[in-house]
Amino acid sequence: MSDTPSNIAKAVGVEAMKASPPVAVAAKQDGGFFTLSPITTLTCIYLVLQIAYLAWKWHNEREDRKAKLNACEVPK
């Protein structure tokens, strides 16, 4: 997968769709998003972990692409 704007937009869209159910649960709570209920707390933790995983995945994909490009370079 390359870093073209369409691929990045597609990945962000997919992740936003994955996050929509937890966001809906958190928003539905009586006190709003910032209450201390266990459901809201767990939902926030889930969202943070999902964002961290996506950043880690993108970082690893970028490192893999760099390694492949370096392996294909012809020495001068």
PDB file of N, CA and C in Angstrom:
ATOM      1  N   MET A   1       0.847  -1.177   0.000  1.00  0.00           N
ATOM      2  CA  MET A   1       0.000   0.000   0.000  1.00  0.00           C
ATOM      3  C   MET A   1       0.888   1.233   0.000  1.00  0.00           C
ATOM      4  N   SER A   2       0.607   2.173  -0.899  1.00  0.00           N
ATOM      5  CA  SER A   2       1.422   3.376  -0.986  1.00  0.00           C
ATOM      6  C   SER A   2       0.776   4.512  -0.196  1.00  0.00           C
ATOM      7  N   ASP A   3       1.507   5.596  -0.053  1.00  0.00           N
ATOM      8  CA  ASP A   3       1.035   6.741   0.734  1.00  0.00           C
ATOM      9  C   ASP A   3       0.285   7.756  -0.118  1.00  0.00           C
ATOM     10  N   THR A   4      -0.449   7.309  -1.109  1.00  0.00           N
ATOM     11  CA  THR A   4      -1.205   8.254  -1.917  1.00  0.00           C
ATOM     12  C   THR A   4      -2.363   8.802  -1.090  1.00  0.00           C
ATOM     13  N   PRO A   5      -2.814  10.007  -1.412  1.00  0.00           N
ATOM     14  CA  PRO A   5      -3.911  10.595  -0.643  1.00  0.00           C
ATOM     15  C   PRO A   5      -5.172   9.728  -0.633  1.00  0.00           C
ATOM     16  N   SER A   6      -5.457   9.045  -1.741  1.00  0.00           N
ATOM     17  CA  SER A   6      -6.665   8.223  -1.765  1.00  0.00           C
ATOM     18  C   SER A   6      -6.540   7.023  -0.830  1.00  0.00           C
ATOM     19  N   ASN A   7      -5.352   6.415  -0.744  1.00  0.00           N
ATOM     20  CA  ASN A   7      -5.157   5.285   0.169  1.00  0.00           C
ATOM     21  C   ASN A   7      -5.223   5.728   1.625  1.00  0.00           C
ATOM     22  N   ILE A   8      -4.658   6.885   1.918  1.00  0.00           N
ATOM     23  CA  ILE A   8      -4.707   7.407   3.285  1.00  0.00           C
ATOM     24  C   ILE A   8      -6.147   7.739   3.663  1.00  0.00           C
ATOM     25  N   ALA A   9      -6.882   8.374   2.751  1.00  0.00           N
ATOM     26  CA  ALA A   9      -8.277   8.716   3.023  1.00  0.00           C
ATOM     27  C   ALA A   9      -9.111   7.453   3.236  1.00  0.00           C
ATOM     28  N   LYS A  10      -8.849   6.415   2.447  1.00  0.00           N
ATOM     29  CA  LYS A  10      -9.580   5.168   2.594  1.00  0.00           C
ATOM     30  C   LYS A  10      -9.299   4.541   3.956  1.00  0.00           C
ATOM     31  N   ALA A  11      -8.035   4.519   4.376  1.00  0.00           N
ATOM     32  CA  ALA A  11      -7.676   3.940   5.671  1.00  0.00           C
ATOM     33  C   ALA A  11      -8.306   4.721   6.817  1.00  0.00           C
ATOM     34  N   VAL A  12      -8.295   6.047   6.727  1.00  0.00           N
ATOM     35  CA  VAL A  12      -8.909   6.870   7.776  1.00  0.00           C
ATOM     36  C   VAL A  12     -10.415   6.631   7.819  1.00  0.00           C
ATOM     37  N   GLY A  13     -11.046   6.514   6.656  1.00  0.00           N
ATOM     38  CA  GLY A  13     -12.481   6.238   6.601  1.00  0.00           C
ATOM     39  C   GLY A  13     -12.839   4.904   7.229  1.00  0.00           C
ATOM     40  N   VAL A  14     -12.058   3.883   6.943  1.00  0.00           N
ATOM     41  CA  VAL A  14     -12.303   2.554   7.520  1.00  0.00           C
ATOM     42  C   VAL A  14     -12.174   2.604   9.038  1.00  0.00           C
ATOM     43  N   GLU A  15     -11.122   3.271   9.519  1.00  0.00           N
ATOM     44  CA  GLU A  15     -10.925   3.359  10.968  1.00  0.00           C
ATOM     45  C   GLU A  15     -12.019   4.198  11.628  1.00  0.00           C
ATOM     46  N   ALA A  16     -12.499   5.227  10.947  1.00  0.00           N
ATOM     47  CA  ALA A  16     -13.585   6.040  11.505  1.00  0.00           C
ATOM     48  C   ALA A  16     -14.865   5.214  11.612  1.00  0.00           C
ATOM     49  N   MET A  17     -15.111   4.352  10.627  1.00  0.00           N
ATOM     50  CA  MET A  17     -16.287   3.490  10.693  1.00  0.00           C
ATOM     51  C   MET A  17     -16.165   2.480  11.826  1.00  0.00           C
ATOM     52  N   LYS A  18     -14.947   1.984  12.068  1.00  0.00           N
ATOM     53  CA  LYS A  18     -14.738   1.058  13.178  1.00  0.00           C
ATOM     54  C   LYS A  18     -14.964   1.754  14.519  1.00  0.00           C
ATOM     55  N   ALA A  19     -14.644   3.032  14.596  1.00  0.00           N
ATOM     56  CA  ALA A  19     -14.751   3.767  15.856  1.00  0.00           C
ATOM     57  C   ALA A  19     -16.165   4.278  16.112  1.00  0.00           C
ATOM     58  N   SER A  20     -17.030   4.302  15.114  1.00  0.00           N
ATOM     59  CA  SER A  20     -18.349   4.903  15.292  1.00  0.00           C
ATOM     60  C   SER A  20     -19.213   4.211  16.345  1.00  0.00           C
ATOM     61  N   PRO A  21     -19.251   2.875  16.461  1.00  0.00           N
ATOM     62  CA  PRO A  21     -20.069   2.297  17.544  1.00  0.00           C
ATOM     63  C   PRO A  21     -19.610   2.698  18.944  1.00  0.00           C
ATOM     64  N   PRO A  22     -18.297   2.666  19.258  1.00  0.00           N
ATOM     65  CA  PRO A  22     -17.901   3.102  20.598  1.00  0.00           C
ATOM     66  C   PRO A  22     -18.188   4.582  20.858  1.00  0.00           C
ATOM     67  N   VAL A  23     -18.044   5.407  19.838  1.00  0.00           N
ATOM     68  CA  VAL A  23     -18.337   6.830  20.003  1.00  0.00           C
ATOM     69  C   VAL A  23     -19.824   7.017  20.281  1.00  0.00           C
ATOM     70  N   ALA A  24     -20.665   6.266  19.600  1.00  0.00           N
ATOM     71  CA  ALA A  24     -22.110   6.361  19.832  1.00  0.00           C
ATOM     72  C   ALA A  24     -22.463   5.937  21.247  1.00  0.00           C
ATOM     73  N   VAL A  25     -21.821   4.886  21.754  1.00  0.00           N
ATOM     74  CA  VAL A  25     -22.081   4.434  23.133  1.00  0.00           C
ATOM     75  C   VAL A  25     -21.673   5.512  24.120  1.00  0.00           C
ATOM     76  N   ALA A  26     -20.516   6.101  23.920  1.00  0.00           N
ATOM     77  CA  ALA A  26     -20.040   7.129  24.842  1.00  0.00           C
ATOM     78  C   ALA A  26     -20.915   8.372  24.792  1.00  0.00           C
ATOM     79  N   ALA A  27     -21.358   8.745  23.596  1.00  0.00           N
ATOM     80  CA  ALA A  27     -22.189   9.943  23.455  1.00  0.00           C
ATOM     81  C   ALA A  27     -23.576   9.728  24.053  1.00  0.00           C
ATOM     82  N   LYS A  28     -24.039   8.498  24.090  1.00  0.00           N
ATOM     83  CA  LYS A  28     -25.382   8.192  24.590  1.00  0.00           C
ATOM     84  C   LYS A  28     -25.481   8.264  26.117  1.00  0.00           C
ATOM     85  N   GLN A  29     -24.370   8.255  26.807  1.00  0.00           N
ATOM     86  CA  GLN A  29     -24.380   8.296  28.275  1.00  0.00           C
ATOM     87  C   GLN A  29     -25.062   9.569  28.755  1.00  0.00           C
ATOM     88  N   ASP A  30     -25.726   9.495  29.890  1.00  0.00           N
ATOM     89  CA  ASP A  30     -26.518  10.623  30.409  1.00  0.00           C
ATOM     90  C   ASP A  30     -25.688  11.880  30.635  1.00  0.00           C
ATOM     91  N   GLY A  31     -24.510  11.732  31.177  1.00  0.00           N
ATOM     92  CA  GLY A  31     -23.685  12.881  31.484  1.00  0.00           C
ATOM     93  C   GLY A  31     -22.847  13.348  30.314  1.00  0.00           C
ATOM     94  N   GLY A  32     -23.019  12.756  29.142  1.00  0.00           N
ATOM     95  CA  GLY A  32     -22.217  13.120  27.986  1.00  0.00           C
ATOM     96  C   GLY A  32     -20.961  12.281  27.917  1.00  0.00           C
ATOM     97  N   PHE A  33     -20.017  12.735  27.152  1.00  0.00           N
ATOM     98  CA  PHE A  33     -18.813  11.951  26.879  1.00  0.00           C
ATOM     99  C   PHE A  33     -17.854  11.911  28.055  1.00  0.00           C
ATOM    100  N   PHE A  34     -17.892  12.900  28.942  1.00  0.00           N
ATOM    101  CA  PHE A  34     -16.872  13.007  29.976  1.00  0.00           C
ATOM    102  C   PHE A  34     -17.348  12.552  31.361  1.00  0.00           C
ATOM    103  N   THR A  35     -18.283  11.623  31.404  1.00  0.00           N
ATOM    104  CA  THR A  35     -18.690  11.079  32.704  1.00  0.00           C
ATOM    105  C   THR A  35     -17.697  10.007  33.127  1.00  0.00           C
ATOM    106  N   LEU A  36     -17.791   9.589  34.367  1.00  0.00           N
ATOM    107  CA  LEU A  36     -16.873   8.584  34.875  1.00  0.00           C
ATOM    108  C   LEU A  36     -17.501   7.190  34.918  1.00  0.00           C
ATOM    109  N   SER A  37     -18.525   6.963  34.102  1.00  0.00           N
ATOM    110  CA  SER A  37     -19.145   5.647  34.096  1.00  0.00           C
ATOM    111  C   SER A  37     -18.180   4.624  33.509  1.00  0.00           C
ATOM    112  N   PRO A  38     -18.289   3.375  33.927  1.00  0.00           N
ATOM    113  CA  PRO A  38     -17.376   2.341  33.416  1.00  0.00           C
ATOM    114  C   PRO A  38     -17.470   2.155  31.904  1.00  0.00           C
ATOM    115  N   ILE A  39     -18.670   2.271  31.346  1.00  0.00           N
ATOM    116  CA  ILE A  39     -18.832   2.085  29.900  1.00  0.00           C
ATOM    117  C   ILE A  39     -18.085   3.178  29.150  1.00  0.00           C
ATOM    118  N   THR A  40     -18.232   4.416  29.592  1.00  0.00           N
ATOM    119  CA  THR A  40     -17.549   5.519  28.923  1.00  0.00           C
ATOM    120  C   THR A  40     -16.039   5.392  29.078  1.00  0.00           C
ATOM    121  N   THR A  41     -15.589   5.028  30.249  1.00  0.00           N
ATOM    122  CA  THR A  41     -14.152   4.873  30.486  1.00  0.00           C
ATOM    123  C   THR A  41     -13.570   3.787  29.587  1.00  0.00           C
ATOM    124  N   LEU A  42     -14.233   2.640  29.541  1.00  0.00           N
ATOM    125  CA  LEU A  42     -13.755   1.546  28.681  1.00  0.00           C
ATOM    126  C   LEU A  42     -13.801   1.924  27.207  1.00  0.00           C
ATOM    127  N   THR A  43     -14.827   2.679  26.814  1.00  0.00           N
ATOM    128  CA  THR A  43     -14.925   3.114  25.428  1.00  0.00           C
ATOM    129  C   THR A  43     -13.771   4.043  25.070  1.00  0.00           C
ATOM    130  N   CYS A  44     -13.444   4.958  25.966  1.00  0.00           N
ATOM    131  CA  CYS A  44     -12.324   5.869  25.716  1.00  0.00           C
ATOM    132  C   CYS A  44     -11.009   5.100  25.630  1.00  0.00           C
ATOM    133  N   ILE A  45     -10.824   4.116  26.503  1.00  0.00           N
ATOM    134  CA  ILE A  45      -9.608   3.299  26.455  1.00  0.00           C
ATOM    135  C   ILE A  45      -9.543   2.546  25.129  1.00  0.00           C
ATOM    136  N   TYR A  46     -10.672   1.991  24.693  1.00  0.00           N
ATOM    137  CA  TYR A  46     -10.736   1.272  23.421  1.00  0.00           C
ATOM    138  C   TYR A  46     -10.340   2.190  22.263  1.00  0.00           C
ATOM    139  N   LEU A  47     -10.862   3.398  22.254  1.00  0.00           N
ATOM    140  CA  LEU A  47     -10.554   4.336  21.173  1.00  0.00           C
ATOM    141  C   LEU A  47      -9.070   4.708  21.164  1.00  0.00           C
ATOM    142  N   VAL A  48      -8.508   4.951  22.327  1.00  0.00           N
ATOM    143  CA  VAL A  48      -7.092   5.297  22.405  1.00  0.00           C
ATOM    144  C   VAL A  48      -6.238   4.130  21.913  1.00  0.00           C
ATOM    145  N   LEU A  49      -6.577   2.920  22.311  1.00  0.00           N
ATOM    146  CA  LEU A  49      -5.825   1.748  21.850  1.00  0.00           C
ATOM    147  C   LEU A  49      -5.958   1.551  20.345  1.00  0.00           C
ATOM    148  N   GLN A  50      -7.137   1.792  19.807  1.00  0.00           N
ATOM    149  CA  GLN A  50      -7.339   1.653  18.367  1.00  0.00           C
ATOM    150  C   GLN A  50      -6.510   2.680  17.591  1.00  0.00           C
ATOM    151  N   ILE A  51      -6.469   3.905  18.066  1.00  0.00           N
ATOM    152  CA  ILE A  51      -5.665   4.949  17.424  1.00  0.00           C
ATOM    153  C   ILE A  51      -4.186   4.610  17.519  1.00  0.00           C
ATOM    154  N   ALA A  52      -3.750   4.138  18.676  1.00  0.00           N
ATOM    155  CA  ALA A  52      -2.338   3.768  18.839  1.00  0.00           C
ATOM    156  C   ALA A  52      -1.963   2.613  17.921  1.00  0.00           C
ATOM    157  N   TYR A  53      -2.848   1.627  17.790  1.00  0.00           N
ATOM    158  CA  TYR A  53      -2.576   0.498  16.902  1.00  0.00           C
ATOM    159  C   TYR A  53      -2.456   0.968  15.451  1.00  0.00           C
ATOM    160  N   LEU A  54      -3.332   1.856  15.032  1.00  0.00           N
ATOM    161  CA  LEU A  54      -3.284   2.355  13.658  1.00  0.00           C
ATOM    162  C   LEU A  54      -1.980   3.103  13.403  1.00  0.00           C
ATOM    163  N   ALA A  55      -1.554   3.930  14.340  1.00  0.00           N
ATOM    164  CA  ALA A  55      -0.294   4.658  14.178  1.00  0.00           C
ATOM    165  C   ALA A  55       0.885   3.685  14.121  1.00  0.00           C
ATOM    166  N   TRP A  56       0.876   2.663  14.976  1.00  0.00           N
ATOM    167  CA  TRP A  56       1.934   1.642  14.970  1.00  0.00           C
ATOM    168  C   TRP A  56       1.965   0.894  13.641  1.00  0.00           C
ATOM    169  N   LYS A  57       0.784   0.538  13.150  1.00  0.00           N
ATOM    170  CA  LYS A  57       0.686  -0.198  11.885  1.00  0.00           C
ATOM    171  C   LYS A  57       1.224   0.636  10.733  1.00  0.00           C
ATOM    172  N   TRP A  58       0.844   1.907  10.681  1.00  0.00           N
ATOM    173  CA  TRP A  58       1.336   2.778   9.609  1.00  0.00           C
ATOM    174  C   TRP A  58       2.848   2.962   9.707  1.00  0.00           C
ATOM    175  N   HIS A  59       3.363   3.082  10.915  1.00  0.00           N
ATOM    176  CA  HIS A  59       4.804   3.238  11.105  1.00  0.00           C
ATOM    177  C   HIS A  59       5.546   2.004  10.585  1.00  0.00           C
ATOM    178  N   ASN A  60       5.051   0.823  10.938  1.00  0.00           N
ATOM    179  CA  ASN A  60       5.689  -0.410  10.470  1.00  0.00           C
ATOM    180  C   ASN A  60       5.608  -0.564   8.957  1.00  0.00           C
ATOM    181  N   GLU A  61       4.484  -0.199   8.360  1.00  0.00           N
ATOM    182  CA  GLU A  61       4.353  -0.275   6.908  1.00  0.00           C
ATOM    183  C   GLU A  61       5.339   0.669   6.233  1.00  0.00           C
ATOM    184  N   ARG A  62       5.516   1.848   6.802  1.00  0.00           N
ATOM    185  CA  ARG A  62       6.464   2.801   6.225  1.00  0.00           C
ATOM    186  C   ARG A  62       7.889   2.259   6.322  1.00  0.00           C
ATOM    187  N   GLU A  63       8.244   1.668   7.475  1.00  0.00           N
ATOM    188  CA  GLU A  63       9.576   1.085   7.637  1.00  0.00           C
ATOM    189  C   GLU A  63       9.796  -0.071   6.664  1.00  0.00           C
ATOM    190  N   ASP A  64       8.771  -0.890   6.441  1.00  0.00           N
ATOM    191  CA  ASP A  64       8.884  -1.991   5.482  1.00  0.00           C
ATOM    192  C   ASP A  64       9.116  -1.467   4.067  1.00  0.00           C
ATOM    193  N   ARG A  65       8.381  -0.413   3.702  1.00  0.00           N
ATOM    194  CA  ARG A  65       8.559   0.170   2.358  1.00  0.00           C
ATOM    195  C   ARG A  65       9.960   0.731   2.198  1.00  0.00           C
ATOM    196  N   LYS A  66      10.463   1.417   3.243  1.00  0.00           N
ATOM    197  CA  LYS A  66      11.823   1.967   3.172  1.00  0.00           C
ATOM    198  C   LYS A  66      12.848   0.852   3.024  1.00  0.00           C
ATOM    199  N   ALA A  67      12.669  -0.250   3.762  1.00  0.00           N
ATOM    200  CA  ALA A  67      13.606  -1.369   3.672  1.00  0.00           C
ATOM    201  C   ALA A  67      13.577  -1.993   2.288  1.00  0.00           C
ATOM    202  N   LYS A  68      12.399  -2.124   1.700  1.00  0.00           N
ATOM    203  CA  LYS A  68      12.291  -2.693   0.349  1.00  0.00           C
ATOM    204  C   LYS A  68      12.943  -1.773  -0.681  1.00  0.00           C
ATOM    205  N   LEU A  69      12.752  -0.481  -0.524  1.00  0.00           N
ATOM    206  CA  LEU A  69      13.362   0.466  -1.459  1.00  0.00           C
ATOM    207  C   LEU A  69      14.879   0.432  -1.338  1.00  0.00           C
ATOM    208  N   ASN A  70      15.384   0.359  -0.120  1.00  0.00           N
ATOM    209  CA  ASN A  70      16.831   0.303   0.094  1.00  0.00           C
ATOM    210  C   ASN A  70      17.414  -0.985  -0.451  1.00  0.00           C
ATOM    211  N   ALA A  71      16.669  -2.076  -0.369  1.00  0.00           N
ATOM    212  CA  ALA A  71      17.164  -3.360  -0.884  1.00  0.00           C
ATOM    213  C   ALA A  71      17.201  -3.370  -2.402  1.00  0.00           C
ATOM    214  N   CYS A  72      16.351  -2.585  -3.027  1.00  0.00           N
ATOM    215  CA  CYS A  72      16.292  -2.555  -4.494  1.00  0.00           C
ATOM    216  C   CYS A  72      17.242  -1.547  -5.126  1.00  0.00           C
ATOM    217  N   GLU A  73      17.841  -0.690  -4.322  1.00  0.00           N
ATOM    218  CA  GLU A  73      18.722   0.327  -4.877  1.00  0.00           C
ATOM    219  C   GLU A  73      20.012  -0.317  -5.415  1.00  0.00           C
ATOM    220  N   VAL A  74      20.446   0.217  -6.539  1.00  0.00           N
ATOM    221  CA  VAL A  74      21.682  -0.268  -7.162  1.00  0.00           C
ATOM    222  C   VAL A  74      22.836   0.589  -6.662  1.00  0.00           C
ATOM    223  N   PRO A  75      23.866  -0.016  -6.084  1.00  0.00           N
ATOM    224  CA  PRO A  75      24.994   0.776  -5.616  1.00  0.00           C
ATOM    225  C   PRO A  75      25.718   1.448  -6.778  1.00  0.00           C
ATOM    226  N   LYS A  76      26.244   2.638  -6.526  1.00  0.00           N
ATOM    227  CA  LYS A  76      26.941   3.385  -7.600  1.00  0.00           C
ATOM    228  C   LYS A  76      28.405   3.082  -7.610  1.00  0.00           C
TER     229      LYS A  76
END
